[in-house]
Amino acid sequence: MRIERLITMANDIATYFAVEPDHAAAVGGVRDHLKRFWDPVMRRQLKTYLAEGGEGLLPLAREAVTGLDAPPADAP
């Protein structure tokens, strides 16, 4: 998937959770959504993008992706 689309989707999720008054819960909500509903390839792409600078990702999305587990590309 194109990284621009992943950025938009991650930011949309972060915007949804941004109203959560508990910051840790908001980060956890974004991270949980990405784990539950995103394909491992999509998560890997976003983590790689963040490692390369992550331009365009909202701070809440950045924080959630930082702690996100994504299996290596060679994992089954």
PDB file of N, CA and C in Angstrom:
ATOM      1  N   MET A   1       0.843  -1.175   0.000  1.00  0.00           N
ATOM      2  CA  MET A   1       0.000   0.000   0.000  1.00  0.00           C
ATOM      3  C   MET A   1       0.885   1.235   0.000  1.00  0.00           C
ATOM      4  N   ARG A   2       0.416   2.273  -0.629  1.00  0.00           N
ATOM      5  CA  ARG A   2       1.190   3.523  -0.683  1.00  0.00           C
ATOM      6  C   ARG A   2       1.319   4.129   0.713  1.00  0.00           C
ATOM      7  N   ILE A   3       2.513   4.598   1.029  1.00  0.00           N
ATOM      8  CA  ILE A   3       2.773   5.131   2.367  1.00  0.00           C
ATOM      9  C   ILE A   3       1.905   6.346   2.650  1.00  0.00           C
ATOM     10  N   GLU A   4       1.602   7.139   1.648  1.00  0.00           N
ATOM     11  CA  GLU A   4       0.755   8.310   1.851  1.00  0.00           C
ATOM     12  C   GLU A   4      -0.624   7.902   2.391  1.00  0.00           C
ATOM     13  N   ARG A   5      -1.142   6.805   1.878  1.00  0.00           N
ATOM     14  CA  ARG A   5      -2.443   6.312   2.344  1.00  0.00           C
ATOM     15  C   ARG A   5      -2.340   5.803   3.780  1.00  0.00           C
ATOM     16  N   LEU A   6      -1.252   5.115   4.113  1.00  0.00           N
ATOM     17  CA  LEU A   6      -1.057   4.630   5.478  1.00  0.00           C
ATOM     18  C   LEU A   6      -0.940   5.792   6.465  1.00  0.00           C
ATOM     19  N   ILE A   7      -0.245   6.846   6.062  1.00  0.00           N
ATOM     20  CA  ILE A   7      -0.104   8.031   6.918  1.00  0.00           C
ATOM     21  C   ILE A   7      -1.473   8.644   7.181  1.00  0.00           C
ATOM     22  N   THR A   8      -2.259   8.798   6.126  1.00  0.00           N
ATOM     23  CA  THR A   8      -3.598   9.370   6.268  1.00  0.00           C
ATOM     24  C   THR A   8      -4.452   8.521   7.203  1.00  0.00           C
ATOM     25  N   MET A   9      -4.415   7.220   7.013  1.00  0.00           N
ATOM     26  CA  MET A   9      -5.215   6.327   7.847  1.00  0.00           C
ATOM     27  C   MET A   9      -4.753   6.368   9.301  1.00  0.00           C
ATOM     28  N   ALA A  10      -3.448   6.326   9.533  1.00  0.00           N
ATOM     29  CA  ALA A  10      -2.916   6.377  10.898  1.00  0.00           C
ATOM     30  C   ALA A  10      -3.286   7.699  11.564  1.00  0.00           C
ATOM     31  N   ASN A  11      -3.195   8.792  10.827  1.00  0.00           N
ATOM     32  CA  ASN A  11      -3.570  10.093  11.375  1.00  0.00           C
ATOM     33  C   ASN A  11      -5.065  10.175  11.669  1.00  0.00           C
ATOM     34  N   ASP A  12      -5.890   9.563  10.832  1.00  0.00           N
ATOM     35  CA  ASP A  12      -7.332   9.535  11.094  1.00  0.00           C
ATOM     36  C   ASP A  12      -7.632   8.786  12.392  1.00  0.00           C
ATOM     37  N   ILE A  13      -6.951   7.683  12.601  1.00  0.00           N
ATOM     38  CA  ILE A  13      -7.130   6.905  13.834  1.00  0.00           C
ATOM     39  C   ILE A  13      -6.672   7.738  15.034  1.00  0.00           C
ATOM     40  N   ALA A  14      -5.523   8.382  14.900  1.00  0.00           N
ATOM     41  CA  ALA A  14      -4.998   9.222  15.980  1.00  0.00           C
ATOM     42  C   ALA A  14      -5.951  10.377  16.279  1.00  0.00           C
ATOM     43  N   THR A  15      -6.534  10.968  15.259  1.00  0.00           N
ATOM     44  CA  THR A  15      -7.484  12.064  15.464  1.00  0.00           C
ATOM     45  C   THR A  15      -8.702  11.577  16.231  1.00  0.00           C
ATOM     46  N   TYR A  16      -9.167  10.390  15.926  1.00  0.00           N
ATOM     47  CA  TYR A  16     -10.308   9.813  16.640  1.00  0.00           C
ATOM     48  C   TYR A  16      -9.997   9.681  18.132  1.00  0.00           C
ATOM     49  N   PHE A  17      -8.804   9.189  18.460  1.00  0.00           N
ATOM     50  CA  PHE A  17      -8.447   8.941  19.859  1.00  0.00           C
ATOM     51  C   PHE A  17      -7.914  10.188  20.559  1.00  0.00           C
ATOM     52  N   ALA A  18      -7.681  11.268  19.850  1.00  0.00           N
ATOM     53  CA  ALA A  18      -7.101  12.480  20.443  1.00  0.00           C
ATOM     54  C   ALA A  18      -8.005  13.110  21.496  1.00  0.00           C
ATOM     55  N   VAL A  19      -9.291  12.848  21.450  1.00  0.00           N
ATOM     56  CA  VAL A  19     -10.208  13.427  22.440  1.00  0.00           C
ATOM     57  C   VAL A  19     -10.179  12.677  23.769  1.00  0.00           C
ATOM     58  N   GLU A  20      -9.523  11.542  23.804  1.00  0.00           N
ATOM     59  CA  GLU A  20      -9.396  10.758  25.046  1.00  0.00           C
ATOM     60  C   GLU A  20      -8.588  11.582  26.054  1.00  0.00           C
ATOM     61  N   PRO A  21      -9.160  11.878  27.234  1.00  0.00           N
ATOM     62  CA  PRO A  21      -8.430  12.701  28.196  1.00  0.00           C
ATOM     63  C   PRO A  21      -7.183  12.019  28.779  1.00  0.00           C
ATOM     64  N   ASP A  22      -7.162  10.713  28.810  1.00  0.00           N
ATOM     65  CA  ASP A  22      -6.005   9.972  29.315  1.00  0.00           C
ATOM     66  C   ASP A  22      -5.067   9.690  28.135  1.00  0.00           C
ATOM     67  N   HIS A  23      -3.937  10.377  28.128  1.00  0.00           N
ATOM     68  CA  HIS A  23      -3.014  10.271  26.988  1.00  0.00           C
ATOM     69  C   HIS A  23      -2.548   8.836  26.758  1.00  0.00           C
ATOM     70  N   ALA A  24      -2.230   8.141  27.837  1.00  0.00           N
ATOM     71  CA  ALA A  24      -1.766   6.752  27.697  1.00  0.00           C
ATOM     72  C   ALA A  24      -2.857   5.880  27.081  1.00  0.00           C
ATOM     73  N   ALA A  25      -4.104   6.121  27.448  1.00  0.00           N
ATOM     74  CA  ALA A  25      -5.208   5.363  26.864  1.00  0.00           C
ATOM     75  C   ALA A  25      -5.370   5.693  25.382  1.00  0.00           C
ATOM     76  N   ALA A  26      -5.150   6.945  25.015  1.00  0.00           N
ATOM     77  CA  ALA A  26      -5.239   7.346  23.612  1.00  0.00           C
ATOM     78  C   ALA A  26      -4.156   6.649  22.786  1.00  0.00           C
ATOM     79  N   VAL A  27      -2.934   6.646  23.300  1.00  0.00           N
ATOM     80  CA  VAL A  27      -1.836   5.958  22.601  1.00  0.00           C
ATOM     81  C   VAL A  27      -2.157   4.471  22.482  1.00  0.00           C
ATOM     82  N   GLY A  28      -2.611   3.884  23.570  1.00  0.00           N
ATOM     83  CA  GLY A  28      -2.969   2.473  23.561  1.00  0.00           C
ATOM     84  C   GLY A  28      -4.106   2.176  22.594  1.00  0.00           C
ATOM     85  N   GLY A  29      -5.061   3.082  22.499  1.00  0.00           N
ATOM     86  CA  GLY A  29      -6.172   2.889  21.575  1.00  0.00           C
ATOM     87  C   GLY A  29      -5.725   2.868  20.127  1.00  0.00           C
ATOM     88  N   VAL A  30      -4.845   3.795  19.775  1.00  0.00           N
ATOM     89  CA  VAL A  30      -4.311   3.828  18.407  1.00  0.00           C
ATOM     90  C   VAL A  30      -3.512   2.557  18.144  1.00  0.00           C
ATOM     91  N   ARG A  31      -2.632   2.221  19.068  1.00  0.00           N
ATOM     92  CA  ARG A  31      -1.779   1.041  18.907  1.00  0.00           C
ATOM     93  C   ARG A  31      -2.622  -0.231  18.798  1.00  0.00           C
ATOM     94  N   ASP A  32      -3.638  -0.350  19.645  1.00  0.00           N
ATOM     95  CA  ASP A  32      -4.500  -1.525  19.617  1.00  0.00           C
ATOM     96  C   ASP A  32      -5.238  -1.630  18.279  1.00  0.00           C
ATOM     97  N   HIS A  33      -5.715  -0.507  17.786  1.00  0.00           N
ATOM     98  CA  HIS A  33      -6.412  -0.518  16.494  1.00  0.00           C
ATOM     99  C   HIS A  33      -5.466  -1.012  15.388  1.00  0.00           C
ATOM    100  N   LEU A  34      -4.256  -0.497  15.388  1.00  0.00           N
ATOM    101  CA  LEU A  34      -3.291  -0.900  14.358  1.00  0.00           C
ATOM    102  C   LEU A  34      -2.971  -2.392  14.462  1.00  0.00           C
ATOM    103  N   LYS A  35      -2.843  -2.900  15.684  1.00  0.00           N
ATOM    104  CA  LYS A  35      -2.555  -4.328  15.875  1.00  0.00           C
ATOM    105  C   LYS A  35      -3.715  -5.205  15.430  1.00  0.00           C
ATOM    106  N   ARG A  36      -4.930  -4.783  15.770  1.00  0.00           N
ATOM    107  CA  ARG A  36      -6.099  -5.619  15.506  1.00  0.00           C
ATOM    108  C   ARG A  36      -6.562  -5.592  14.054  1.00  0.00           C
ATOM    109  N   PHE A  37      -6.432  -4.450  13.401  1.00  0.00           N
ATOM    110  CA  PHE A  37      -7.066  -4.301  12.097  1.00  0.00           C
ATOM    111  C   PHE A  37      -6.115  -4.099  10.920  1.00  0.00           C
ATOM    112  N   TRP A  38      -4.859  -3.852  11.184  1.00  0.00           N
ATOM    113  CA  TRP A  38      -3.901  -3.634  10.093  1.00  0.00           C
ATOM    114  C   TRP A  38      -3.101  -4.902   9.839  1.00  0.00           C
ATOM    115  N   ASP A  39      -2.882  -5.166   8.591  1.00  0.00           N
ATOM    116  CA  ASP A  39      -2.054  -6.276   8.152  1.00  0.00           C
ATOM    117  C   ASP A  39      -0.613  -6.048   8.644  1.00  0.00           C
ATOM    118  N   PRO A  40       0.126  -7.118   8.966  1.00  0.00           N
ATOM    119  CA  PRO A  40       1.519  -6.945   9.401  1.00  0.00           C
ATOM    120  C   PRO A  40       2.381  -6.179   8.397  1.00  0.00           C
ATOM    121  N   VAL A  41       2.106  -6.339   7.126  1.00  0.00           N
ATOM    122  CA  VAL A  41       2.876  -5.615   6.101  1.00  0.00           C
ATOM    123  C   VAL A  41       2.646  -4.112   6.239  1.00  0.00           C
ATOM    124  N   MET A  42       1.416  -3.726   6.485  1.00  0.00           N
ATOM    125  CA  MET A  42       1.096  -2.299   6.651  1.00  0.00           C
ATOM    126  C   MET A  42       1.781  -1.742   7.894  1.00  0.00           C
ATOM    127  N   ARG A  43       1.753  -2.495   8.984  1.00  0.00           N
ATOM    128  CA  ARG A  43       2.415  -2.047  10.213  1.00  0.00           C
ATOM    129  C   ARG A  43       3.916  -1.906  10.004  1.00  0.00           C
ATOM    130  N   ARG A  44       4.498  -2.871   9.311  1.00  0.00           N
ATOM    131  CA  ARG A  44       5.935  -2.827   9.022  1.00  0.00           C
ATOM    132  C   ARG A  44       6.277  -1.593   8.188  1.00  0.00           C
ATOM    133  N   GLN A  45       5.472  -1.321   7.167  1.00  0.00           N
ATOM    134  CA  GLN A  45       5.710  -0.156   6.318  1.00  0.00           C
ATOM    135  C   GLN A  45       5.695   1.125   7.147  1.00  0.00           C
ATOM    136  N   LEU A  46       4.716   1.245   8.034  1.00  0.00           N
ATOM    137  CA  LEU A  46       4.588   2.454   8.842  1.00  0.00           C
ATOM    138  C   LEU A  46       5.741   2.575   9.833  1.00  0.00           C
ATOM    139  N   LYS A  47       6.153   1.473  10.444  1.00  0.00           N
ATOM    140  CA  LYS A  47       7.302   1.512  11.365  1.00  0.00           C
ATOM    141  C   LYS A  47       8.580   1.918  10.630  1.00  0.00           C
ATOM    142  N   THR A  48       8.776   1.384   9.449  1.00  0.00           N
ATOM    143  CA  THR A  48       9.947   1.737   8.644  1.00  0.00           C
ATOM    144  C   THR A  48       9.916   3.216   8.292  1.00  0.00           C
ATOM    145  N   TYR A  49       8.742   3.694   7.904  1.00  0.00           N
ATOM    146  CA  TYR A  49       8.597   5.096   7.549  1.00  0.00           C
ATOM    147  C   TYR A  49       8.923   5.991   8.744  1.00  0.00           C
ATOM    148  N   LEU A  50       8.433   5.620   9.920  1.00  0.00           N
ATOM    149  CA  LEU A  50       8.719   6.399  11.119  1.00  0.00           C
ATOM    150  C   LEU A  50      10.221   6.393  11.426  1.00  0.00           C
ATOM    151  N   ALA A  51      10.858   5.250  11.258  1.00  0.00           N
ATOM    152  CA  ALA A  51      12.303   5.155  11.498  1.00  0.00           C
ATOM    153  C   ALA A  51      13.096   6.051  10.546  1.00  0.00           C
ATOM    154  N   GLU A  52      12.523   6.332   9.392  1.00  0.00           N
ATOM    155  CA  GLU A  52      13.182   7.191   8.404  1.00  0.00           C
ATOM    156  C   GLU A  52      12.805   8.661   8.583  1.00  0.00           C
ATOM    157  N   GLY A  53      12.073   8.982   9.640  1.00  0.00           N
ATOM    158  CA  GLY A  53      11.717  10.369   9.911  1.00  0.00           C
ATOM    159  C   GLY A  53      10.238  10.558  10.199  1.00  0.00           C
ATOM    160  N   GLY A  54       9.387   9.835   9.510  1.00  0.00           N
ATOM    161  CA  GLY A  54       7.958   9.868   9.786  1.00  0.00           C
ATOM    162  C   GLY A  54       7.252  11.174   9.492  1.00  0.00           C
ATOM    163  N   GLU A  55       7.761  11.941   8.538  1.00  0.00           N
ATOM    164  CA  GLU A  55       7.153  13.228   8.208  1.00  0.00           C
ATOM    165  C   GLU A  55       5.663  13.071   7.890  1.00  0.00           C
ATOM    166  N   GLY A  56       4.858  13.929   8.490  1.00  0.00           N
ATOM    167  CA  GLY A  56       3.434  13.925   8.228  1.00  0.00           C
ATOM    168  C   GLY A  56       2.609  13.159   9.241  1.00  0.00           C
ATOM    169  N   LEU A  57       3.243  12.340  10.065  1.00  0.00           N
ATOM    170  CA  LEU A  57       2.496  11.612  11.096  1.00  0.00           C
ATOM    171  C   LEU A  57       2.221  12.531  12.284  1.00  0.00           C
ATOM    172  N   LEU A  58       0.996  12.504  12.751  1.00  0.00           N
ATOM    173  CA  LEU A  58       0.645  13.277  13.939  1.00  0.00           C
ATOM    174  C   LEU A  58       1.398  12.723  15.153  1.00  0.00           C
ATOM    175  N   PRO A  59       1.664  13.564  16.156  1.00  0.00           N
ATOM    176  CA  PRO A  59       2.407  13.102  17.333  1.00  0.00           C
ATOM    177  C   PRO A  59       1.799  11.864  18.000  1.00  0.00           C
ATOM    178  N   LEU A  60       0.484  11.803  18.113  1.00  0.00           N
ATOM    179  CA  LEU A  60      -0.154  10.644  18.730  1.00  0.00           C
ATOM    180  C   LEU A  60       0.075   9.386  17.894  1.00  0.00           C
ATOM    181  N   ALA A  61      -0.003   9.513  16.592  1.00  0.00           N
ATOM    182  CA  ALA A  61       0.270   8.377  15.702  1.00  0.00           C
ATOM    183  C   ALA A  61       1.726   7.943  15.835  1.00  0.00           C
ATOM    184  N   ARG A  62       2.629   8.904  15.885  1.00  0.00           N
ATOM    185  CA  ARG A  62       4.060   8.594  16.037  1.00  0.00           C
ATOM    186  C   ARG A  62       4.307   7.788  17.313  1.00  0.00           C
ATOM    187  N   GLU A  63       3.720   8.260  18.399  1.00  0.00           N
ATOM    188  CA  GLU A  63       3.929   7.597  19.684  1.00  0.00           C
ATOM    189  C   GLU A  63       3.377   6.173  19.668  1.00  0.00           C
ATOM    190  N   ALA A  64       2.214   5.997  19.069  1.00  0.00           N
ATOM    191  CA  ALA A  64       1.612   4.665  18.990  1.00  0.00           C
ATOM    192  C   ALA A  64       2.447   3.733  18.123  1.00  0.00           C
ATOM    193  N   VAL A  65       2.924   4.229  17.007  1.00  0.00           N
ATOM    194  CA  VAL A  65       3.707   3.395  16.089  1.00  0.00           C
ATOM    195  C   VAL A  65       5.057   3.045  16.697  1.00  0.00           C
ATOM    196  N   THR A  66       5.632   3.944  17.490  1.00  0.00           N
ATOM    197  CA  THR A  66       6.914   3.684  18.131  1.00  0.00           C
ATOM    198  C   THR A  66       6.867   2.407  18.957  1.00  0.00           C
ATOM    199  N   GLY A  67       5.795   2.191  19.688  1.00  0.00           N
ATOM    200  CA  GLY A  67       5.683   1.004  20.531  1.00  0.00           C
ATOM    201  C   GLY A  67       4.992  -0.165  19.876  1.00  0.00           C
ATOM    202  N   LEU A  68       4.743  -0.076  18.595  1.00  0.00           N
ATOM    203  CA  LEU A  68       4.011  -1.120  17.875  1.00  0.00           C
ATOM    204  C   LEU A  68       4.930  -2.276  17.492  1.00  0.00           C
ATOM    205  N   ASP A  69       4.456  -3.487  17.744  1.00  0.00           N
ATOM    206  CA  ASP A  69       5.195  -4.661  17.305  1.00  0.00           C
ATOM    207  C   ASP A  69       4.788  -4.972  15.878  1.00  0.00           C
ATOM    208  N   ALA A  70       5.770  -5.214  15.052  1.00  0.00           N
ATOM    209  CA  ALA A  70       5.503  -5.642  13.678  1.00  0.00           C
ATOM    210  C   ALA A  70       6.454  -6.778  13.378  1.00  0.00           C
ATOM    211  N   PRO A  71       5.933  -7.932  12.971  1.00  0.00           N
ATOM    212  CA  PRO A  71       6.808  -9.063  12.706  1.00  0.00           C
ATOM    213  C   PRO A  71       7.777  -8.754  11.569  1.00  0.00           C
ATOM    214  N   PRO A  72       8.964  -9.342  11.596  1.00  0.00           N
ATOM    215  CA  PRO A  72       9.923  -9.122  10.513  1.00  0.00           C
ATOM    216  C   PRO A  72       9.366  -9.590   9.172  1.00  0.00           C
ATOM    217  N   ALA A  73       9.910  -9.037   8.111  1.00  0.00           N
ATOM    218  CA  ALA A  73       9.421  -9.342   6.757  1.00  0.00           C
ATOM    219  C   ALA A  73       9.510 -10.825   6.427  1.00  0.00           C
ATOM    220  N   ASP A  74      10.456 -11.545   7.016  1.00  0.00           N
ATOM    221  CA  ASP A  74      10.615 -12.948   6.690  1.00  0.00           C
ATOM    222  C   ASP A  74       9.811 -13.876   7.619  1.00  0.00           C
ATOM    223  N   ALA A  75       9.002 -13.290   8.521  1.00  0.00           N
ATOM    224  CA  ALA A  75       8.176 -14.110   9.413  1.00  0.00           C
ATOM    225  C   ALA A  75       6.998 -14.710   8.657  1.00  0.00           C
ATOM    226  N   PRO A  76       6.584 -15.912   9.015  1.00  0.00           N
ATOM    227  CA  PRO A  76       5.454 -16.527   8.320  1.00  0.00           C
ATOM    228  C   PRO A  76       4.139 -15.827   8.608  1.00  0.00           C
TER     229      PRO A  76
END
